Amino acid sequence: MAAPIERLILQSDWDQALRERNGKAWVSHKSSVPPCDYSELHGHGVSQDGLLYVTSKDEEFSVSNITKKSLLISFNGEQGSLSRKFVAPTITFSTIHTPKKQVVSIDTTPGGLGVSSDSEGKLKLWQTNTGEVRRNLEGHVGDVYTCQFFPSGIVVLSAGADMMVKVWSAETGACAATITGHKAAILGSDIIDRGRNIVTCSRDGTAKLWDVGQQACLYTFEEIGGDVNSCCTGIPANSIDLGTPSITRSDREIGTESKMLLLGCENGSLQGFGLESRDGSCFHITEHWETTTELTGSDCDPIYSISSDGENIFTSCRDGSIRKYSLRYIT
């Protein structure tokens, strides 16, 4: 018999709630074996260093390792024993996009710029320290499902429901190139090396390798079995056979050697292809990974995208907010 699945759940705005006078925040332990255990955390003020004084209403729950934006909750009861670290956002940007409009994609740079898109079709460039919107990148028709920076940090790639891939200057806001070829909405993208080539995936059931400079398709990965929701490229372990190229690649194809293309598909499969060889094999990820840390702030709203600038993690959420979490509280 499989071991019971356990989870600790903490009130999403616990950091704000516990800082209020006589502050309270609910906490619960849930297991696949009922019943669930519910309790409260009580706030008793803040130290000169900004640290919360927190206690638990019930002895089964305990609180430790408190920092300015994180705490560790442990449960020890009849239904199991579990510990979880909870991290609150250092900043919540709620005015970059219209409240309650889904922020579906986000990317950030170490240089202090962020780019994000929402369900209104807005594509925005903003400052990661203040949330100040620098530019509105206008030109897509309909929702923009994916956006990211090229490695230079001053060029943006975007794509969406209009089946167009666009390349933008972050400095001027001008659209430098528009690439077409997909037959349905583009749901994901990835940039290869410095960005002479990119990969996109679509509801048309394909993924495409592009030459950005000539706005030309170099190869189409087909027969994937339905909508392709996401894609990424990288160098896998040596144990994975990427296949041998059967055709001579174009001299416009740069940096595809030794790389794998991963496609996340609507049918539940994660498919891997040799990016250079075009060879593919289908496999499913079924491993159960244990969670040790949770990023709080979203009240039951899903997170659609995540990015890091090396010092912080940024999330985009269905509630229209972008949340910034400092890595020093997470690691």
C-alpha atoms as a PDB file:
ATOM      1  CA  MET A   1       0.000   0.000   0.000  1.00  0.00           C
ATOM      2  CA  ALA A   2       1.339   3.441  -0.929  1.00  0.00           C
ATOM      3  CA  ALA A   3       2.305   5.777   1.898  1.00  0.00           C
ATOM      4  CA  PRO A   4      -0.238   8.523   2.687  1.00  0.00           C
ATOM      5  CA  ILE A   5       0.314  11.792   0.834  1.00  0.00           C
ATOM      6  CA  GLU A   6       0.731  14.640   3.323  1.00  0.00           C
ATOM      7  CA  ARG A   7       0.650  18.401   2.949  1.00  0.00           C
ATOM      8  CA  LEU A   8       0.893  21.436   5.202  1.00  0.00           C
ATOM      9  CA  ILE A   9      -1.198  24.422   4.081  1.00  0.00           C
ATOM     10  CA  LEU A  10      -0.776  27.960   5.448  1.00  0.00           C
ATOM     11  CA  GLN A  11      -2.985  31.022   4.950  1.00  0.00           C
ATOM     12  CA  SER A  12      -1.746  32.742   1.802  1.00  0.00           C
ATOM     13  CA  ASP A  13      -1.297  36.208   3.366  1.00  0.00           C
ATOM     14  CA  TRP A  14       0.152  34.909   6.659  1.00  0.00           C
ATOM     15  CA  ASP A  15       2.974  37.456   6.663  1.00  0.00           C
ATOM     16  CA  GLN A  16       0.563  40.414   6.656  1.00  0.00           C
ATOM     17  CA  ALA A  17      -2.042  38.773   8.919  1.00  0.00           C
ATOM     18  CA  LEU A  18       0.419  37.910  11.694  1.00  0.00           C
ATOM     19  CA  ARG A  19       1.840  41.451  11.740  1.00  0.00           C
ATOM     20  CA  GLU A  20      -1.549  42.905  12.654  1.00  0.00           C
ATOM     21  CA  ARG A  21      -2.517  43.473  16.266  1.00  0.00           C
ATOM     22  CA  ASN A  22      -3.726  40.130  17.703  1.00  0.00           C
ATOM     23  CA  GLY A  23      -2.980  38.686  14.286  1.00  0.00           C
ATOM     24  CA  LYS A  24      -4.011  35.174  13.343  1.00  0.00           C
ATOM     25  CA  ALA A  25      -3.392  32.862  10.388  1.00  0.00           C
ATOM     26  CA  TRP A  26      -4.890  29.431   9.831  1.00  0.00           C
ATOM     27  CA  VAL A  27      -2.763  26.351   9.189  1.00  0.00           C
ATOM     28  CA  SER A  28      -3.761  22.790   8.363  1.00  0.00           C
ATOM     29  CA  HIS A  29      -2.287  19.346   7.868  1.00  0.00           C
ATOM     30  CA  LYS A  30      -3.962  17.301   5.164  1.00  0.00           C
ATOM     31  CA  SER A  31      -3.387  13.650   4.437  1.00  0.00           C
ATOM     32  CA  SER A  32      -4.915  11.102   2.097  1.00  0.00           C
ATOM     33  CA  VAL A  33      -6.024   9.381   5.285  1.00  0.00           C
ATOM     34  CA  PRO A  34      -8.745  11.494   7.019  1.00  0.00           C
ATOM     35  CA  PRO A  35      -9.378  13.431   9.163  1.00  0.00           C
ATOM     36  CA  CYS A  36      -7.480  16.663   8.506  1.00  0.00           C
ATOM     37  CA  ASP A  37      -5.968  18.705  11.328  1.00  0.00           C
ATOM     38  CA  TYR A  38      -6.665  22.444  11.600  1.00  0.00           C
ATOM     39  CA  SER A  39      -5.114  25.070  13.851  1.00  0.00           C
ATOM     40  CA  GLU A  40      -4.125  28.739  14.096  1.00  0.00           C
ATOM     41  CA  LEU A  41      -0.887  30.670  14.354  1.00  0.00           C
ATOM     42  CA  HIS A  42      -0.966  33.684  16.652  1.00  0.00           C
ATOM     43  CA  GLY A  43       1.166  36.792  16.187  1.00  0.00           C
ATOM     44  CA  HIS A  44       2.562  38.515  19.280  1.00  0.00           C
ATOM     45  CA  GLY A  45       4.307  41.520  17.790  1.00  0.00           C
ATOM     46  CA  VAL A  46       7.508  42.152  15.864  1.00  0.00           C
ATOM     47  CA  SER A  47      11.090  42.439  17.100  1.00  0.00           C
ATOM     48  CA  GLN A  48      13.341  45.432  16.409  1.00  0.00           C
ATOM     49  CA  ASP A  49      14.856  43.392  13.576  1.00  0.00           C
ATOM     50  CA  GLY A  50      11.444  42.884  11.967  1.00  0.00           C
ATOM     51  CA  LEU A  51      11.049  39.263  13.048  1.00  0.00           C
ATOM     52  CA  LEU A  52       7.622  37.981  14.000  1.00  0.00           C
ATOM     53  CA  TYR A  53       6.878  36.482  17.395  1.00  0.00           C
ATOM     54  CA  VAL A  54       4.632  33.528  16.523  1.00  0.00           C
ATOM     55  CA  THR A  55       3.069  30.676  18.476  1.00  0.00           C
ATOM     56  CA  SER A  56       0.679  27.880  17.552  1.00  0.00           C
ATOM     57  CA  LYS A  57      -2.737  27.329  19.097  1.00  0.00           C
ATOM     58  CA  ASP A  58      -2.269  23.535  19.205  1.00  0.00           C
ATOM     59  CA  GLU A  59       0.758  21.550  20.296  1.00  0.00           C
ATOM     60  CA  GLU A  60       0.698  19.338  17.168  1.00  0.00           C
ATOM     61  CA  PHE A  61       1.916  22.366  15.193  1.00  0.00           C
ATOM     62  CA  SER A  62       5.143  24.212  15.968  1.00  0.00           C
ATOM     63  CA  VAL A  63       6.896  27.224  14.420  1.00  0.00           C
ATOM     64  CA  SER A  64      10.668  27.738  14.125  1.00  0.00           C
ATOM     65  CA  ASN A  65      13.415  29.261  11.959  1.00  0.00           C
ATOM     66  CA  ILE A  66      11.577  32.586  11.639  1.00  0.00           C
ATOM     67  CA  THR A  67      13.084  35.231   9.348  1.00  0.00           C
ATOM     68  CA  LYS A  68      11.643  38.471   7.988  1.00  0.00           C
ATOM     69  CA  LYS A  69       9.907  36.651   5.147  1.00  0.00           C
ATOM     70  CA  SER A  70       9.900  32.946   6.018  1.00  0.00           C
ATOM     71  CA  LEU A  71       9.151  30.437   8.750  1.00  0.00           C
ATOM     72  CA  LEU A  72       9.250  26.689   9.253  1.00  0.00           C
ATOM     73  CA  ILE A  73       6.087  24.885  10.378  1.00  0.00           C
ATOM     74  CA  SER A  74       6.243  21.344  11.729  1.00  0.00           C
ATOM     75  CA  PHE A  75       3.352  18.971  12.370  1.00  0.00           C
ATOM     76  CA  ASN A  76       3.583  15.914  14.594  1.00  0.00           C
ATOM     77  CA  GLY A  77       0.286  14.111  15.166  1.00  0.00           C
ATOM     78  CA  GLU A  78      -1.612  10.872  14.742  1.00  0.00           C
ATOM     79  CA  GLN A  79      -1.948  11.322  10.967  1.00  0.00           C
ATOM     80  CA  GLY A  80       1.773  11.822  10.345  1.00  0.00           C
ATOM     81  CA  SER A  81       4.791  14.035  10.770  1.00  0.00           C
ATOM     82  CA  LEU A  82       5.812  16.751   8.339  1.00  0.00           C
ATOM     83  CA  SER A  83       7.802  20.010   8.137  1.00  0.00           C
ATOM     84  CA  ARG A  84       7.521  22.728   5.527  1.00  0.00           C
ATOM     85  CA  LYS A  85       9.199  26.090   4.970  1.00  0.00           C
ATOM     86  CA  PHE A  86       6.896  28.912   3.825  1.00  0.00           C
ATOM     87  CA  VAL A  87       8.257  32.014   2.084  1.00  0.00           C
ATOM     88  CA  ALA A  88       6.286  35.248   1.626  1.00  0.00           C
ATOM     89  CA  PRO A  89       6.929  37.653  -1.255  1.00  0.00           C
ATOM     90  CA  THR A  90       9.190  40.616  -0.561  1.00  0.00           C
ATOM     91  CA  ILE A  91       7.136  42.691  -3.011  1.00  0.00           C
ATOM     92  CA  THR A  92       3.812  42.118  -4.783  1.00  0.00           C
ATOM     93  CA  PHE A  93       3.401  44.127  -7.989  1.00  0.00           C
ATOM     94  CA  SER A  94      -0.347  44.519  -8.511  1.00  0.00           C
ATOM     95  CA  THR A  95      -0.408  47.456 -10.941  1.00  0.00           C
ATOM     96  CA  ILE A  96       1.821  46.238 -13.780  1.00  0.00           C
ATOM     97  CA  HIS A  97      -1.200  44.428 -15.217  1.00  0.00           C
ATOM     98  CA  THR A  98      -4.919  44.974 -14.722  1.00  0.00           C
ATOM     99  CA  PRO A  99      -6.053  43.310 -11.457  1.00  0.00           C
ATOM    100  CA  LYS A 100      -7.721  39.916 -11.914  1.00  0.00           C
ATOM    101  CA  LYS A 101      -6.378  39.589 -15.448  1.00  0.00           C
ATOM    102  CA  GLN A 102      -4.201  36.490 -15.801  1.00  0.00           C
ATOM    103  CA  VAL A 103      -0.460  37.125 -16.085  1.00  0.00           C
ATOM    104  CA  VAL A 104       0.448  34.157 -18.256  1.00  0.00           C
ATOM    105  CA  SER A 105       4.174  34.597 -18.925  1.00  0.00           C
ATOM    106  CA  ILE A 106       7.135  36.339 -17.308  1.00  0.00           C
ATOM    107  CA  ASP A 107      10.887  36.695 -17.695  1.00  0.00           C
ATOM    108  CA  THR A 108      13.515  38.835 -15.955  1.00  0.00           C
ATOM    109  CA  THR A 109      17.144  39.825 -16.405  1.00  0.00           C
ATOM    110  CA  PRO A 110      19.996  40.399 -13.937  1.00  0.00           C
ATOM    111  CA  GLY A 111      20.067  43.939 -15.354  1.00  0.00           C
ATOM    112  CA  GLY A 112      16.793  44.883 -13.666  1.00  0.00           C
ATOM    113  CA  LEU A 113      14.252  44.469 -16.466  1.00  0.00           C
ATOM    114  CA  GLY A 114      11.148  42.297 -16.540  1.00  0.00           C
ATOM    115  CA  VAL A 115       8.766  41.422 -19.337  1.00  0.00           C
ATOM    116  CA  SER A 116       5.331  39.883 -18.888  1.00  0.00           C
ATOM    117  CA  SER A 117       2.097  39.257 -20.771  1.00  0.00           C
ATOM    118  CA  ASP A 118      -1.525  38.924 -19.701  1.00  0.00           C
ATOM    119  CA  SER A 119      -4.929  37.644 -20.805  1.00  0.00           C
ATOM    120  CA  GLU A 120      -5.817  41.086 -22.213  1.00  0.00           C
ATOM    121  CA  GLY A 121      -3.087  40.676 -24.820  1.00  0.00           C
ATOM    122  CA  LYS A 122      -0.848  43.259 -23.108  1.00  0.00           C
ATOM    123  CA  LEU A 123       2.928  42.813 -23.305  1.00  0.00           C
ATOM    124  CA  LYS A 124       4.777  45.018 -20.816  1.00  0.00           C
ATOM    125  CA  LEU A 125       8.395  45.862 -20.046  1.00  0.00           C
ATOM    126  CA  TRP A 126       9.047  46.950 -16.436  1.00  0.00           C
ATOM    127  CA  GLN A 127      11.615  47.579 -13.703  1.00  0.00           C
ATOM    128  CA  THR A 128      12.119  44.606 -11.378  1.00  0.00           C
ATOM    129  CA  ASN A 129      13.002  46.792  -8.369  1.00  0.00           C
ATOM    130  CA  THR A 130       9.954  49.073  -8.484  1.00  0.00           C
ATOM    131  CA  GLY A 131       7.460  47.509 -10.901  1.00  0.00           C
ATOM    132  CA  GLU A 132       7.428  50.712 -12.953  1.00  0.00           C
ATOM    133  CA  VAL A 133       6.242  49.979 -16.496  1.00  0.00           C
ATOM    134  CA  ARG A 134       8.823  51.210 -19.011  1.00  0.00           C
ATOM    135  CA  ARG A 135       7.144  50.253 -22.268  1.00  0.00           C
ATOM    136  CA  ASN A 136       4.031  48.644 -23.711  1.00  0.00           C
ATOM    137  CA  LEU A 137       5.071  46.429 -26.613  1.00  0.00           C
ATOM    138  CA  GLU A 138       2.180  46.687 -29.061  1.00  0.00           C
ATOM    139  CA  GLY A 139       1.680  44.621 -32.189  1.00  0.00           C
ATOM    140  CA  HIS A 140       0.188  41.251 -31.243  1.00  0.00           C
ATOM    141  CA  VAL A 141      -3.477  40.558 -31.937  1.00  0.00           C
ATOM    142  CA  GLY A 142      -4.980  38.555 -29.083  1.00  0.00           C
ATOM    143  CA  ASP A 143      -3.392  36.876 -26.073  1.00  0.00           C
ATOM    144  CA  VAL A 144       0.410  36.721 -25.762  1.00  0.00           C
ATOM    145  CA  TYR A 145       1.218  33.297 -24.299  1.00  0.00           C
ATOM    146  CA  THR A 146       5.002  33.423 -24.080  1.00  0.00           C
ATOM    147  CA  CYS A 147       7.638  36.129 -23.671  1.00  0.00           C
ATOM    148  CA  GLN A 148      11.310  36.084 -22.748  1.00  0.00           C
ATOM    149  CA  PHE A 149      14.561  37.991 -23.071  1.00  0.00           C
ATOM    150  CA  PHE A 150      17.381  37.059 -25.392  1.00  0.00           C
ATOM    151  CA  PRO A 151      20.670  36.525 -23.506  1.00  0.00           C
ATOM    152  CA  SER A 152      21.692  40.132 -24.249  1.00  0.00           C
ATOM    153  CA  GLY A 153      18.894  41.351 -21.965  1.00  0.00           C
ATOM    154  CA  ILE A 154      17.912  44.099 -24.401  1.00  0.00           C
ATOM    155  CA  VAL A 155      15.911  42.061 -26.933  1.00  0.00           C
ATOM    156  CA  VAL A 156      12.550  40.380 -26.246  1.00  0.00           C
ATOM    157  CA  LEU A 157      10.908  37.369 -27.899  1.00  0.00           C
ATOM    158  CA  SER A 158       7.121  36.923 -27.774  1.00  0.00           C
ATOM    159  CA  ALA A 159       4.424  34.787 -29.373  1.00  0.00           C
ATOM    160  CA  GLY A 160       0.757  34.047 -28.904  1.00  0.00           C
ATOM    161  CA  ALA A 161      -2.747  33.466 -30.193  1.00  0.00           C
ATOM    162  CA  ASP A 162      -2.142  35.344 -33.445  1.00  0.00           C
ATOM    163  CA  MET A 163       0.336  32.628 -34.557  1.00  0.00           C
ATOM    164  CA  MET A 164       3.085  35.242 -34.827  1.00  0.00           C
ATOM    165  CA  VAL A 165       6.543  35.290 -33.253  1.00  0.00           C
ATOM    166  CA  LYS A 166       7.863  38.792 -32.644  1.00  0.00           C
ATOM    167  CA  VAL A 167      11.304  40.139 -31.763  1.00  0.00           C
ATOM    168  CA  TRP A 168      11.414  43.489 -29.936  1.00  0.00           C
ATOM    169  CA  SER A 169      13.996  46.049 -28.917  1.00  0.00           C
ATOM    170  CA  ALA A 170      13.724  46.601 -25.166  1.00  0.00           C
ATOM    171  CA  GLU A 171      15.500  49.939 -25.623  1.00  0.00           C
ATOM    172  CA  THR A 172      13.102  51.460 -28.174  1.00  0.00           C
ATOM    173  CA  GLY A 173      10.031  49.219 -28.040  1.00  0.00           C
ATOM    174  CA  ALA A 174      10.216  48.673 -31.795  1.00  0.00           C
ATOM    175  CA  CYS A 175       9.372  45.321 -33.352  1.00  0.00           C
ATOM    176  CA  ALA A 176      12.478  44.238 -35.255  1.00  0.00           C
ATOM    177  CA  ALA A 177      11.081  41.059 -36.814  1.00  0.00           C
ATOM    178  CA  THR A 178       7.846  39.092 -37.196  1.00  0.00           C
ATOM    179  CA  ILE A 179       7.984  35.360 -37.934  1.00  0.00           C
ATOM    180  CA  THR A 180       5.001  33.368 -39.211  1.00  0.00           C
ATOM    181  CA  GLY A 181       4.445  29.712 -40.070  1.00  0.00           C
ATOM    182  CA  HIS A 182       2.428  28.050 -37.328  1.00  0.00           C
ATOM    183  CA  LYS A 183      -1.221  27.224 -38.094  1.00  0.00           C
ATOM    184  CA  ALA A 184      -2.578  27.719 -34.564  1.00  0.00           C
ATOM    185  CA  ALA A 185      -1.744  29.624 -31.385  1.00  0.00           C
ATOM    186  CA  ILE A 186       1.887  29.513 -30.228  1.00  0.00           C
ATOM    187  CA  LEU A 187       2.042  28.410 -26.583  1.00  0.00           C
ATOM    188  CA  GLY A 188       5.769  28.222 -25.807  1.00  0.00           C
ATOM    189  CA  SER A 189       9.218  29.266 -26.965  1.00  0.00           C
ATOM    190  CA  ASP A 190      12.891  28.872 -26.152  1.00  0.00           C
ATOM    191  CA  ILE A 191      16.062  30.633 -27.266  1.00  0.00           C
ATOM    192  CA  ILE A 192      19.092  28.618 -28.338  1.00  0.00           C
ATOM    193  CA  ASP A 193      22.466  29.958 -27.178  1.00  0.00           C
ATOM    194  CA  ARG A 194      22.807  33.648 -28.104  1.00  0.00           C
ATOM    195  CA  GLY A 195      19.588  33.654 -30.111  1.00  0.00           C
ATOM    196  CA  ARG A 196      20.354  33.167 -33.792  1.00  0.00           C
ATOM    197  CA  ASN A 197      17.961  30.203 -33.576  1.00  0.00           C
ATOM    198  CA  ILE A 198      14.792  29.778 -31.525  1.00  0.00           C
ATOM    199  CA  VAL A 199      12.221  27.019 -30.973  1.00  0.00           C
ATOM    200  CA  THR A 200       8.447  27.487 -30.716  1.00  0.00           C
ATOM    201  CA  CYS A 201       5.597  25.063 -30.024  1.00  0.00           C
ATOM    202  CA  SER A 202       1.935  25.340 -30.897  1.00  0.00           C
ATOM    203  CA  ARG A 203      -1.637  24.122 -30.673  1.00  0.00           C
ATOM    204  CA  ASP A 204      -1.159  22.954 -34.272  1.00  0.00           C
ATOM    205  CA  GLY A 205       0.691  19.932 -32.839  1.00  0.00           C
ATOM    206  CA  THR A 206       4.162  20.938 -34.003  1.00  0.00           C
ATOM    207  CA  ALA A 207       7.370  22.500 -32.771  1.00  0.00           C
ATOM    208  CA  LYS A 208       9.505  24.585 -35.108  1.00  0.00           C
ATOM    209  CA  LEU A 209      13.188  25.495 -35.243  1.00  0.00           C
ATOM    210  CA  TRP A 210      13.667  28.996 -36.658  1.00  0.00           C
ATOM    211  CA  ASP A 211      16.410  31.141 -38.105  1.00  0.00           C
ATOM    212  CA  VAL A 212      15.699  34.544 -36.536  1.00  0.00           C
ATOM    213  CA  GLY A 213      17.839  36.595 -38.908  1.00  0.00           C
ATOM    214  CA  GLN A 214      16.031  35.384 -42.025  1.00  0.00           C
ATOM    215  CA  GLN A 215      12.677  34.709 -40.287  1.00  0.00           C
ATOM    216  CA  ALA A 216      12.737  31.223 -41.826  1.00  0.00           C
ATOM    217  CA  CYS A 217      11.752  27.796 -40.528  1.00  0.00           C
ATOM    218  CA  LEU A 218      14.692  25.372 -40.478  1.00  0.00           C
ATOM    219  CA  TYR A 219      12.754  22.298 -39.346  1.00  0.00           C
ATOM    220  CA  THR A 220       9.305  21.235 -38.108  1.00  0.00           C
ATOM    221  CA  PHE A 221       8.887  18.518 -35.470  1.00  0.00           C
ATOM    222  CA  GLU A 222       5.600  16.777 -36.308  1.00  0.00           C
ATOM    223  CA  GLU A 223       3.469  13.752 -35.294  1.00  0.00           C
ATOM    224  CA  ILE A 224       3.676  14.740 -31.630  1.00  0.00           C
ATOM    225  CA  GLY A 225       0.098  13.748 -30.850  1.00  0.00           C
ATOM    226  CA  GLY A 226      -1.817  16.947 -30.164  1.00  0.00           C
ATOM    227  CA  ASP A 227      -1.303  20.406 -28.661  1.00  0.00           C
ATOM    228  CA  VAL A 228       2.255  21.193 -27.552  1.00  0.00           C
ATOM    229  CA  ASN A 229       2.013  23.411 -24.459  1.00  0.00           C
ATOM    230  CA  SER A 230       5.665  24.118 -23.645  1.00  0.00           C
ATOM    231  CA  CYS A 231       9.201  23.604 -24.874  1.00  0.00           C
ATOM    232  CA  CYS A 232      12.773  23.975 -23.687  1.00  0.00           C
ATOM    233  CA  THR A 233      16.261  23.020 -24.820  1.00  0.00           C
ATOM    234  CA  GLY A 234      19.378  21.980 -22.950  1.00  0.00           C
ATOM    235  CA  ILE A 235      22.325  19.623 -22.775  1.00  0.00           C
ATOM    236  CA  PRO A 236      21.281  16.291 -21.188  1.00  0.00           C
ATOM    237  CA  ALA A 237      23.326  13.673 -19.362  1.00  0.00           C
ATOM    238  CA  ASN A 238      25.780  11.675 -21.473  1.00  0.00           C
ATOM    239  CA  SER A 239      23.668   8.545 -20.977  1.00  0.00           C
ATOM    240  CA  ILE A 240      20.939   9.882 -23.288  1.00  0.00           C
ATOM    241  CA  ASP A 241      21.419   9.029 -26.949  1.00  0.00           C
ATOM    242  CA  LEU A 242      20.449  12.049 -29.035  1.00  0.00           C
ATOM    243  CA  GLY A 243      20.871  10.210 -32.320  1.00  0.00           C
ATOM    244  CA  THR A 244      23.009  10.971 -35.358  1.00  0.00           C
ATOM    245  CA  PRO A 245      22.050  13.632 -37.903  1.00  0.00           C
ATOM    246  CA  SER A 246      20.775  11.991 -41.098  1.00  0.00           C
ATOM    247  CA  ILE A 247      20.790  15.168 -43.165  1.00  0.00           C
ATOM    248  CA  THR A 248      23.230  18.024 -43.621  1.00  0.00           C
ATOM    249  CA  ARG A 249      22.091  20.888 -41.467  1.00  0.00           C
ATOM    250  CA  SER A 250      21.828  24.443 -42.719  1.00  0.00           C
ATOM    251  CA  ASP A 251      24.720  26.799 -42.049  1.00  0.00           C
ATOM    252  CA  ARG A 252      22.052  29.031 -40.462  1.00  0.00           C
ATOM    253  CA  GLU A 253      21.596  26.467 -37.687  1.00  0.00           C
ATOM    254  CA  ILE A 254      23.809  27.489 -34.766  1.00  0.00           C
ATOM    255  CA  GLY A 255      24.232  25.780 -31.396  1.00  0.00           C
ATOM    256  CA  THR A 256      21.888  22.800 -31.807  1.00  0.00           C
ATOM    257  CA  GLU A 257      24.564  20.132 -31.425  1.00  0.00           C
ATOM    258  CA  SER A 258      24.479  18.012 -28.221  1.00  0.00           C
ATOM    259  CA  LYS A 259      21.144  19.566 -27.230  1.00  0.00           C
ATOM    260  CA  MET A 260      17.814  17.964 -26.419  1.00  0.00           C
ATOM    261  CA  LEU A 261      14.446  19.516 -27.184  1.00  0.00           C
ATOM    262  CA  LEU A 262      11.790  18.750 -24.552  1.00  0.00           C
ATOM    263  CA  LEU A 263       8.120  19.197 -25.386  1.00  0.00           C
ATOM    264  CA  GLY A 264       5.344  19.216 -22.780  1.00  0.00           C
ATOM    265  CA  CYS A 265       2.180  17.975 -24.450  1.00  0.00           C
ATOM    266  CA  GLU A 266      -1.543  18.204 -23.776  1.00  0.00           C
ATOM    267  CA  ASN A 267      -1.806  14.399 -23.885  1.00  0.00           C
ATOM    268  CA  GLY A 268       0.296  14.170 -20.708  1.00  0.00           C
ATOM    269  CA  SER A 269       3.565  13.151 -22.316  1.00  0.00           C
ATOM    270  CA  LEU A 270       6.972  14.775 -22.112  1.00  0.00           C
ATOM    271  CA  GLN A 271       8.692  14.129 -25.432  1.00  0.00           C
ATOM    272  CA  GLY A 272      12.416  14.381 -26.045  1.00  0.00           C
ATOM    273  CA  PHE A 273      14.130  14.980 -29.387  1.00  0.00           C
ATOM    274  CA  GLY A 274      17.723  15.383 -30.471  1.00  0.00           C
ATOM    275  CA  LEU A 275      17.625  19.001 -31.611  1.00  0.00           C
ATOM    276  CA  GLU A 276      20.318  18.477 -34.236  1.00  0.00           C
ATOM    277  CA  SER A 277      19.509  14.879 -35.218  1.00  0.00           C
ATOM    278  CA  ARG A 278      15.676  15.348 -35.125  1.00  0.00           C
ATOM    279  CA  ASP A 279      15.468  11.869 -33.515  1.00  0.00           C
ATOM    280  CA  GLY A 280      12.769  11.551 -30.864  1.00  0.00           C
ATOM    281  CA  SER A 281      11.523   9.231 -28.159  1.00  0.00           C
ATOM    282  CA  CYS A 282       8.481   9.618 -25.956  1.00  0.00           C
ATOM    283  CA  PHE A 283       8.604   9.250 -22.181  1.00  0.00           C
ATOM    284  CA  HIS A 284       6.475  10.224 -19.180  1.00  0.00           C
ATOM    285  CA  ILE A 285       7.670  11.815 -15.970  1.00  0.00           C
ATOM    286  CA  THR A 286       6.012   9.972 -13.085  1.00  0.00           C
ATOM    287  CA  GLU A 287       8.476  10.429 -10.204  1.00  0.00           C
ATOM    288  CA  HIS A 288       7.096  11.895  -6.990  1.00  0.00           C
ATOM    289  CA  TRP A 289       9.262  14.776  -5.820  1.00  0.00           C
ATOM    290  CA  GLU A 290       9.071  15.824  -2.188  1.00  0.00           C
ATOM    291  CA  THR A 291       8.334  19.487  -1.543  1.00  0.00           C
ATOM    292  CA  THR A 292      10.373  21.223   1.154  1.00  0.00           C
ATOM    293  CA  THR A 293       9.562  24.909   0.513  1.00  0.00           C
ATOM    294  CA  GLU A 294       6.417  26.708  -0.648  1.00  0.00           C
ATOM    295  CA  LEU A 295       6.154  30.257  -1.987  1.00  0.00           C
ATOM    296  CA  THR A 296       3.001  31.851  -0.567  1.00  0.00           C
ATOM    297  CA  GLY A 297       0.922  34.885  -1.540  1.00  0.00           C
ATOM    298  CA  SER A 298      -1.449  33.501  -4.153  1.00  0.00           C
ATOM    299  CA  ASP A 299      -4.848  32.693  -2.620  1.00  0.00           C
ATOM    300  CA  CYS A 300      -5.643  29.441  -4.471  1.00  0.00           C
ATOM    301  CA  ASP A 301      -4.888  31.092  -7.839  1.00  0.00           C
ATOM    302  CA  PRO A 302      -2.569  29.103 -10.126  1.00  0.00           C
ATOM    303  CA  ILE A 303       0.920  30.263 -11.052  1.00  0.00           C
ATOM    304  CA  TYR A 304       1.414  30.348 -14.815  1.00  0.00           C
ATOM    305  CA  SER A 305       5.079  31.265 -15.169  1.00  0.00           C
ATOM    306  CA  ILE A 306       8.238  31.684 -13.108  1.00  0.00           C
ATOM    307  CA  SER A 307      11.568  33.438 -13.643  1.00  0.00           C
ATOM    308  CA  SER A 308      14.758  34.263 -11.750  1.00  0.00           C
ATOM    309  CA  ASP A 309      17.260  37.093 -12.098  1.00  0.00           C
ATOM    310  CA  GLY A 310      19.843  35.283  -9.971  1.00  0.00           C
ATOM    311  CA  GLU A 311      18.881  37.012  -6.725  1.00  0.00           C
ATOM    312  CA  ASN A 312      15.078  36.757  -6.768  1.00  0.00           C
ATOM    313  CA  ILE A 313      12.294  34.537  -8.062  1.00  0.00           C
ATOM    314  CA  PHE A 314       9.351  36.164  -9.851  1.00  0.00           C
ATOM    315  CA  THR A 315       5.973  34.482 -10.372  1.00  0.00           C
ATOM    316  CA  SER A 316       3.036  35.413 -12.587  1.00  0.00           C
ATOM    317  CA  CYS A 317      -0.431  34.525 -11.371  1.00  0.00           C
ATOM    318  CA  ARG A 318      -4.073  34.273 -12.439  1.00  0.00           C
ATOM    319  CA  ASP A 319      -4.984  37.041  -9.938  1.00  0.00           C
ATOM    320  CA  GLY A 320      -3.091  39.602 -12.060  1.00  0.00           C
ATOM    321  CA  SER A 321      -0.163  40.030  -9.657  1.00  0.00           C
ATOM    322  CA  ILE A 322       3.554  39.515 -10.080  1.00  0.00           C
ATOM    323  CA  ARG A 323       5.308  38.434  -6.872  1.00  0.00           C
ATOM    324  CA  LYS A 324       8.985  38.808  -6.067  1.00  0.00           C
ATOM    325  CA  TYR A 325      10.688  36.417  -3.624  1.00  0.00           C
ATOM    326  CA  SER A 326      14.244  36.852  -2.376  1.00  0.00           C
ATOM    327  CA  LEU A 327      16.388  33.755  -2.828  1.00  0.00           C
ATOM    328  CA  ARG A 328      18.100  34.427   0.499  1.00  0.00           C
ATOM    329  CA  TYR A 329      14.886  33.356   2.247  1.00  0.00           C
ATOM    330  CA  ILE A 330      14.444  30.288   0.049  1.00  0.00           C
ATOM    331  CA  THR A 331      17.869  28.648  -0.058  1.00  0.00           C
END
